C-alpha cells in the first residue's frame, strides 16, 4: 500500500545517502545515461554504482506512490493493481511448485518472514554451488550488465533438475533499432529505471540457454491480459490507491516536493530525483503503448540433471 506521508517522503529521499549528497548523486546518476551524454559502456562497467544510486534516490518515491512491491503486472477488469501484483507473484510460485521446506533464491523485494537476506552482487554471488531448490527473479535482473552472466550465477547455485522462474523487462520484436522514436523511448526507460541496457525477448531466451538452462516455457504475459501492465502510469487513469500517479496526483506531488526542498525539509536534489522517476513513468507508458517494451516477459528454465544423477536415477528405476 502506498505511503502517503509527505514528511516520510522527505525523510526517505536519498536512502543511505546523507542529505548533502543527494544533489551530487542525482547529477552523477543522470550523466550515466544517453539523454545526458552518457554511454552504455560506462553504465555496464559501473552497474553497481548505477543501481545503488538509482535506488537510493527513488525508493522513497516508489514507496510513496506505488507501495512495497516495486512490480508491474497486467490485470483483469475490476482488479486493482495491488491484486494483480499479488496474483502475478502467486503465478510465479505455482510455476516453481514451491513447497514448505524448500530453499529458494529470490531476486526481489517484499518478503520479511521465513527468509534471510543477503546483500551482494548477483553477478558474483557468495553462495555455494547447488544450494537452492528453486529460484525466481521479478523484474530485477534487468539491472545486470550481462544477461548470460547473471543467469549463469543462478544456474550455478541452483540444484540440478530444479527450476528458475524469470520475470524480465525486455524490448519486443516490434522494437526497431533504426527508429529514432524507439531509441528515444528506450533511453528514457533506461534513465528512469537505472538500467545499463534493455535486452530483447530473443536475447533473453538465448542468454538463458547459453547459461545452461533448458527453456521450458517463454511468453510475453502482456499479451494475456485485457488491462495492460502500464495502466497505472497513464495519468488519465484514476485510482485512489495510486492517486500520486494520476495527473492531479502528479501536480500535488510535484508541489509538495518543490515546497519541501525549498524549505530545506527535503534535501537539495529531491526534485531531480522525482524527475528521474517521472522519466520512468513516461518512458514505460510510451514503450507499452507502442508495443516495443514489456515489463512482464516470463521464462521458466530448468537446470538439467547431471549425467551422474541420470545414471543414478536409472539404476533406481531398474
Protein backbone atom coordinates (compact mmCIF):
# COMPACT_ATOMS: atom_id res chain seq x y z
CA UNK A 1 0.00 0.00 0.00
CA UNK A 2 1.29 3.47 -0.86
CA UNK A 3 2.77 5.55 1.92
CA UNK A 4 1.05 8.94 1.85
CA UNK A 5 3.05 10.93 4.43
CA UNK A 6 4.88 13.87 2.90
CA UNK A 7 7.29 14.09 5.83
CA UNK A 8 8.06 10.38 5.46
CA UNK A 9 8.85 11.06 1.80
CA UNK A 10 11.16 13.92 2.78
CA UNK A 11 12.98 11.76 5.33
CA UNK A 12 13.41 8.81 2.97
CA UNK A 13 14.65 10.71 -0.10
CA UNK A 14 18.27 9.76 -0.65
CA UNK A 15 18.14 6.40 1.09
CA UNK A 16 21.56 5.62 2.55
CA UNK A 17 22.96 8.93 1.29
CA UNK A 18 23.36 11.89 3.61
CA UNK A 19 21.22 14.91 2.78
CA UNK A 20 24.15 16.88 1.38
CA UNK A 21 25.00 14.02 -1.01
CA UNK A 22 21.61 13.80 -2.76
CA UNK A 23 22.07 16.56 -5.35
CA UNK A 24 25.52 15.36 -6.41
CA UNK A 25 24.20 11.78 -6.61
CA UNK A 26 21.40 12.93 -8.94
CA UNK A 27 23.91 14.80 -11.12
CA UNK A 28 26.24 11.80 -11.27
CA UNK A 29 23.38 9.39 -11.94
CA UNK A 30 21.84 11.23 -14.90
CA UNK A 31 25.28 11.64 -16.54
CA UNK A 32 25.44 7.86 -16.95
CA UNK A 33 22.58 8.00 -19.46
CA UNK A 34 22.33 8.63 -23.19
CA UNK A 35 19.90 11.53 -22.76
CA UNK A 36 22.56 13.38 -20.75
CA UNK A 37 25.61 12.43 -22.82
CA UNK A 38 26.34 9.10 -21.12
CA UNK A 39 27.40 5.84 -22.76
CA UNK A 40 26.15 2.27 -22.46
CA UNK A 41 29.69 1.00 -21.86
CA UNK A 42 30.02 3.26 -18.80
CA UNK A 43 26.68 2.08 -17.41
CA UNK A 44 27.66 -1.55 -17.81
CA UNK A 45 31.10 -1.18 -16.25
CA UNK A 46 29.63 0.81 -13.34
CA UNK A 47 26.39 -1.16 -12.98
CA UNK A 48 26.70 -1.46 -9.19
CA UNK A 49 27.07 2.29 -8.67
CA UNK A 50 24.31 2.93 -11.22
CA UNK A 51 21.82 0.67 -9.41
CA UNK A 52 22.80 1.80 -5.91
CA UNK A 53 22.45 5.49 -6.76
CA UNK A 54 19.15 4.84 -8.51
CA UNK A 55 17.52 3.04 -5.58
CA UNK A 56 18.93 5.46 -3.02
CA UNK A 57 17.31 8.30 -4.94
CA UNK A 58 13.93 6.83 -5.89
CA UNK A 59 12.94 4.20 -3.31
CA UNK A 60 11.21 6.80 -1.13
CA UNK A 61 9.15 7.96 -4.11
CA UNK A 62 8.32 4.36 -5.06
CA UNK A 63 7.01 3.65 -1.58
CA UNK A 64 5.14 6.96 -1.51
CA UNK A 65 3.30 6.41 -4.79
CA UNK A 66 3.49 2.71 -5.51
CA UNK A 67 3.73 0.66 -2.33
CA UNK A 68 6.01 -2.07 -1.04
CA UNK A 69 6.16 -4.22 -4.21
CA UNK A 70 8.02 -2.42 -6.99
CA UNK A 71 6.49 -4.67 -9.65
CA UNK A 72 4.22 -4.36 -12.66
CA UNK A 73 1.53 -6.80 -13.80
CA UNK A 74 -1.27 -6.98 -16.33
CA UNK A 75 -4.75 -7.41 -14.95
CA UNK A 76 -8.44 -8.01 -15.45
CA UNK A 77 -11.33 -5.51 -15.36
CA UNK A 78 -12.25 -4.72 -11.77
CA UNK A 79 -8.91 -5.97 -10.44
CA UNK A 80 -6.77 -3.44 -8.58
CA UNK A 81 -3.08 -3.08 -9.35
CA UNK A 82 -2.26 -4.45 -5.90
CA UNK A 83 -4.41 -7.55 -6.56
CA UNK A 84 -2.82 -8.02 -9.99
CA UNK A 85 0.68 -7.92 -8.50
CA UNK A 86 -0.27 -10.49 -5.84
CA UNK A 87 -1.77 -12.79 -8.47
CA UNK A 88 1.36 -12.39 -10.57
CA UNK A 89 3.55 -13.38 -7.62
CA UNK A 90 1.35 -16.42 -6.95
CA UNK A 91 1.68 -17.38 -10.62
CA UNK A 92 5.47 -17.44 -10.30
CA UNK A 93 5.28 -19.58 -7.17
CA UNK A 94 2.96 -22.05 -8.91
CA UNK A 95 5.35 -22.38 -11.87
CA UNK A 96 8.11 -23.37 -9.44
CA UNK A 97 5.95 -25.81 -7.49
CA UNK A 98 7.13 -24.28 -4.21
CA UNK A 99 6.61 -26.38 -1.11
CA UNK A 100 7.28 -25.95 2.57
CA UNK A 101 10.90 -26.68 3.44
CA UNK A 102 12.33 -25.80 0.02
CA UNK A 103 15.30 -23.43 -0.07
CA UNK A 104 14.62 -20.71 -2.62
CA UNK A 105 16.76 -17.98 -4.16
CA UNK A 106 14.89 -14.71 -4.69
CA UNK A 107 15.87 -11.60 -6.68
CA UNK A 108 13.12 -9.30 -5.49
CA UNK A 109 11.74 -7.42 -2.52
CA UNK A 110 8.74 -7.64 -0.23
CA UNK A 111 9.34 -10.77 1.87
CA UNK A 112 10.13 -10.38 5.55
CA UNK A 113 9.15 -13.71 7.09
CA UNK A 114 10.61 -17.20 6.70
CA UNK A 115 13.62 -15.87 4.85
CA UNK A 116 17.06 -14.41 5.37
CA UNK A 117 18.56 -11.53 3.43
CA UNK A 118 21.89 -11.47 1.64
CA UNK A 119 23.17 -8.25 0.11
CA UNK A 120 25.68 -8.79 -2.64
CA UNK A 121 26.47 -8.70 -6.33
CA UNK A 122 24.19 -11.03 -8.29
CA UNK A 123 26.90 -11.28 -10.92
CA UNK A 124 29.19 -12.92 -8.34
CA UNK A 125 27.11 -14.40 -5.54
CA UNK A 126 28.87 -15.55 -2.34
CA UNK A 127 26.83 -18.77 -2.37
CA UNK A 128 27.96 -22.38 -2.79
CA UNK A 129 27.10 -24.37 -5.92
CA UNK A 130 23.90 -26.45 -5.99
CA UNK A 131 22.38 -24.76 -2.93
CA UNK A 132 18.77 -23.91 -3.84
CA UNK A 133 15.65 -25.93 -4.66
CA UNK A 134 14.16 -23.09 -6.70
CA UNK A 135 14.93 -19.55 -7.83
CA UNK A 136 12.97 -16.63 -9.16
CA UNK A 137 13.64 -13.06 -10.23
CA UNK A 138 10.86 -10.49 -10.52
CA UNK A 139 11.81 -7.57 -12.75
CA UNK A 140 15.23 -7.31 -11.09
CA UNK A 141 17.88 -8.85 -13.36
CA UNK A 142 17.23 -6.06 -15.87
CA UNK A 143 19.86 -4.19 -13.81
CA UNK A 144 22.53 -6.73 -14.76
CA UNK A 145 25.15 -5.60 -17.29
CA UNK A 146 25.16 -9.05 -18.90
CA UNK A 147 22.12 -11.35 -19.01
CA UNK A 148 24.07 -14.57 -19.51
CA UNK A 149 26.33 -13.64 -16.61
CA UNK A 150 23.55 -13.23 -14.05
CA UNK A 151 21.57 -16.23 -15.35
CA UNK A 152 24.75 -18.34 -15.14
CA UNK A 153 25.12 -17.40 -11.48
CA UNK A 154 21.55 -18.55 -10.83
CA UNK A 155 22.30 -21.77 -12.73
CA UNK A 156 25.39 -22.36 -10.59
CA UNK A 157 23.65 -22.06 -7.22
CA UNK A 158 20.52 -23.99 -8.29
CA UNK A 159 20.36 -27.73 -7.67
CA UNK A 160 20.28 -29.98 -10.77
CA UNK A 161 16.78 -30.70 -12.01
CA UNK A 162 15.29 -27.59 -10.38
CA UNK A 163 13.60 -24.54 -11.88
CA UNK A 164 14.27 -20.82 -12.31
CA UNK A 165 11.25 -18.54 -12.90
CA UNK A 166 12.33 -15.32 -14.59
CA UNK A 167 10.15 -12.23 -14.96
CA UNK A 168 12.12 -9.83 -17.13
CA UNK A 169 11.92 -6.36 -18.66
CA UNK A 170 12.56 -6.64 -22.40
CA UNK A 171 12.23 -5.00 -25.78
CA UNK A 172 9.76 -6.84 -28.02
CA UNK A 173 10.09 -7.86 -31.67
CA UNK A 174 8.36 -4.59 -32.58
CA UNK A 175 11.37 -2.58 -31.42
CA UNK A 176 13.32 -1.16 -34.36
CA UNK A 177 16.92 -0.16 -33.51
CA UNK A 178 16.90 2.14 -36.55
CA UNK A 179 13.80 4.02 -35.41
CA UNK A 180 14.71 7.28 -33.64
CA UNK A 181 11.44 7.33 -31.69
CA UNK A 182 12.01 3.79 -30.41
CA UNK A 183 15.58 4.63 -29.39
CA UNK A 184 14.39 7.73 -27.52
CA UNK A 185 11.82 5.67 -25.58
CA UNK A 186 14.45 3.06 -24.74
CA UNK A 187 16.81 5.78 -23.47
CA UNK A 188 14.04 7.31 -21.35
CA UNK A 189 13.26 3.94 -19.73
CA UNK A 190 16.96 3.36 -19.02
CA UNK A 191 17.25 6.80 -17.41
CA UNK A 192 14.08 6.43 -15.36
CA UNK A 193 14.77 2.90 -14.18
CA UNK A 194 18.50 2.63 -13.59
CA UNK A 195 19.19 0.26 -16.48
CA UNK A 196 22.55 -0.20 -18.23
CA UNK A 197 20.75 -1.54 -21.33
CA UNK A 198 17.50 -3.28 -22.29
CA UNK A 199 17.64 -6.69 -23.92
CA UNK A 200 15.18 -8.08 -26.45
CA UNK A 201 13.00 -11.07 -25.62
CA UNK A 202 15.01 -13.17 -28.07
CA UNK A 203 18.29 -12.16 -26.41
CA UNK A 204 16.81 -13.03 -23.02
CA UNK A 205 15.81 -16.55 -24.10
CA UNK A 206 19.16 -17.13 -25.80
CA UNK A 207 21.01 -15.95 -22.69
CA UNK A 208 19.05 -18.47 -20.59
CA UNK A 209 20.08 -21.24 -23.00
CA UNK A 210 23.69 -20.06 -23.09
CA UNK A 211 23.74 -20.12 -19.28
CA UNK A 212 22.84 -23.82 -19.46
CA UNK A 213 19.11 -23.80 -18.79
CA UNK A 214 16.53 -25.84 -20.65
CA UNK A 215 13.87 -23.29 -21.58
CA UNK A 216 10.58 -24.95 -20.65
CA UNK A 217 8.32 -22.00 -21.37
CA UNK A 218 8.68 -18.42 -22.57
CA UNK A 219 5.90 -15.89 -23.14
CA UNK A 220 5.22 -12.19 -23.02
CA UNK A 221 2.46 -12.08 -20.40
CA UNK A 222 1.48 -8.61 -21.63
CA UNK A 223 -0.37 -10.44 -24.42
CA UNK A 224 -2.52 -12.36 -21.94
CA UNK A 225 -4.37 -9.66 -20.00
CA UNK A 226 -7.02 -7.17 -21.19
CA UNK A 227 -5.75 -4.48 -18.78
CA UNK A 228 -2.12 -3.57 -19.60
CA UNK A 229 0.72 -3.59 -17.07
CA UNK A 230 1.33 0.13 -17.71
CA UNK A 231 -2.22 1.30 -16.96
CA UNK A 232 -1.32 2.86 -13.59
CA UNK A 233 1.30 5.05 -15.31
CA UNK A 234 -1.34 6.59 -17.56
CA UNK A 235 -2.11 9.97 -15.91
CA UNK A 236 -5.69 9.75 -17.21
CA UNK A 237 -6.20 6.50 -15.26
CA UNK A 238 -7.73 7.26 -11.87
CA UNK A 239 -7.27 5.17 -8.76
CA UNK A 240 -7.39 6.34 -5.15
CA UNK A 241 -4.89 3.58 -4.31
CA UNK A 242 -2.42 5.19 -6.74
CA UNK A 243 -3.61 8.78 -6.59
CA UNK A 244 0.00 10.02 -6.72
CA UNK A 245 0.32 8.52 -10.22
CA UNK A 246 -2.74 10.32 -11.62
CA UNK A 247 -2.50 13.73 -13.30
CA UNK A 248 -3.86 15.60 -10.23
CA UNK A 249 -1.64 13.44 -8.01
CA UNK A 250 1.46 14.34 -10.01
CA UNK A 251 0.68 18.05 -9.71
CA UNK A 252 0.21 17.70 -5.96
CA UNK A 253 3.35 15.59 -5.50
CA UNK A 254 5.49 17.98 -7.56
CA UNK A 255 4.25 20.90 -5.47
CA UNK A 256 4.94 19.02 -2.23
CA UNK A 257 8.47 18.05 -3.26
CA UNK A 258 9.23 21.57 -4.50
CA UNK A 259 7.98 23.07 -1.25
CA UNK A 260 9.82 20.60 0.99
CA UNK A 261 13.05 21.18 -0.92
CA UNK A 262 12.60 24.98 -0.80
CA UNK A 263 12.05 24.81 2.98
CA UNK A 264 15.10 22.51 3.27
CA UNK A 265 12.97 19.81 4.88
CA UNK A 266 13.78 17.59 1.92
CA UNK A 267 17.39 17.55 0.67
CA UNK A 268 18.56 19.59 -2.31
CA UNK A 269 18.20 17.39 -5.37
CA UNK A 270 14.83 15.91 -4.36
CA UNK A 271 13.14 17.42 -7.43
CA UNK A 272 15.87 15.94 -9.59
CA UNK A 273 15.18 12.51 -8.11
CA UNK A 274 11.45 12.99 -8.68
CA UNK A 275 12.10 13.94 -12.31
CA UNK A 276 14.08 10.71 -12.78
CA UNK A 277 11.07 8.76 -11.59
CA UNK A 278 8.77 10.69 -13.92
CA UNK A 279 11.08 9.68 -16.78
CA UNK A 280 10.46 6.09 -15.73
CA UNK A 281 6.70 6.51 -15.74
CA UNK A 282 6.60 8.37 -19.05
CA UNK A 283 9.06 6.06 -20.80
CA UNK A 284 7.33 2.88 -19.65
CA UNK A 285 3.94 4.24 -20.72
CA UNK A 286 5.27 5.15 -24.18
CA UNK A 287 7.06 1.82 -24.55
CA UNK A 288 3.97 -0.13 -23.52
CA UNK A 289 1.63 1.80 -25.80
CA UNK A 290 3.99 1.45 -28.77
CA UNK A 291 4.27 -2.27 -28.05
CA UNK A 292 8.08 -2.11 -28.17
CA UNK A 293 8.64 -2.84 -24.47
CA UNK A 294 7.24 -5.34 -21.99
CA UNK A 295 7.69 -5.45 -18.22
CA UNK A 296 6.31 -8.99 -17.97
CA UNK A 297 8.33 -11.33 -20.18
CA UNK A 298 8.24 -14.69 -18.41
CA UNK A 299 10.72 -17.53 -18.86
CA UNK A 300 10.73 -20.82 -16.97
CA UNK A 301 14.11 -22.53 -17.10
CA UNK A 302 15.24 -25.89 -15.75
CA UNK A 303 18.76 -26.83 -14.75
CA UNK A 304 19.32 -30.27 -16.32
CA UNK A 305 20.17 -33.27 -14.20
CA UNK A 306 23.86 -34.06 -14.29
CA UNK A 307 24.88 -37.20 -16.15
CA UNK A 308 25.81 -38.93 -12.89
CA UNK A 309 22.35 -38.12 -11.48
CA UNK A 310 20.66 -39.54 -14.57
CA UNK A 311 22.65 -42.78 -14.25
CA UNK A 312 21.80 -42.98 -10.54
CA UNK A 313 18.11 -42.40 -11.24
CA UNK A 314 18.11 -45.04 -13.99
CA UNK A 315 19.58 -47.63 -11.60
CA UNK A 316 16.86 -46.88 -9.05
CA UNK A 317 14.17 -47.44 -11.67
CA UNK A 318 15.59 -50.79 -12.83
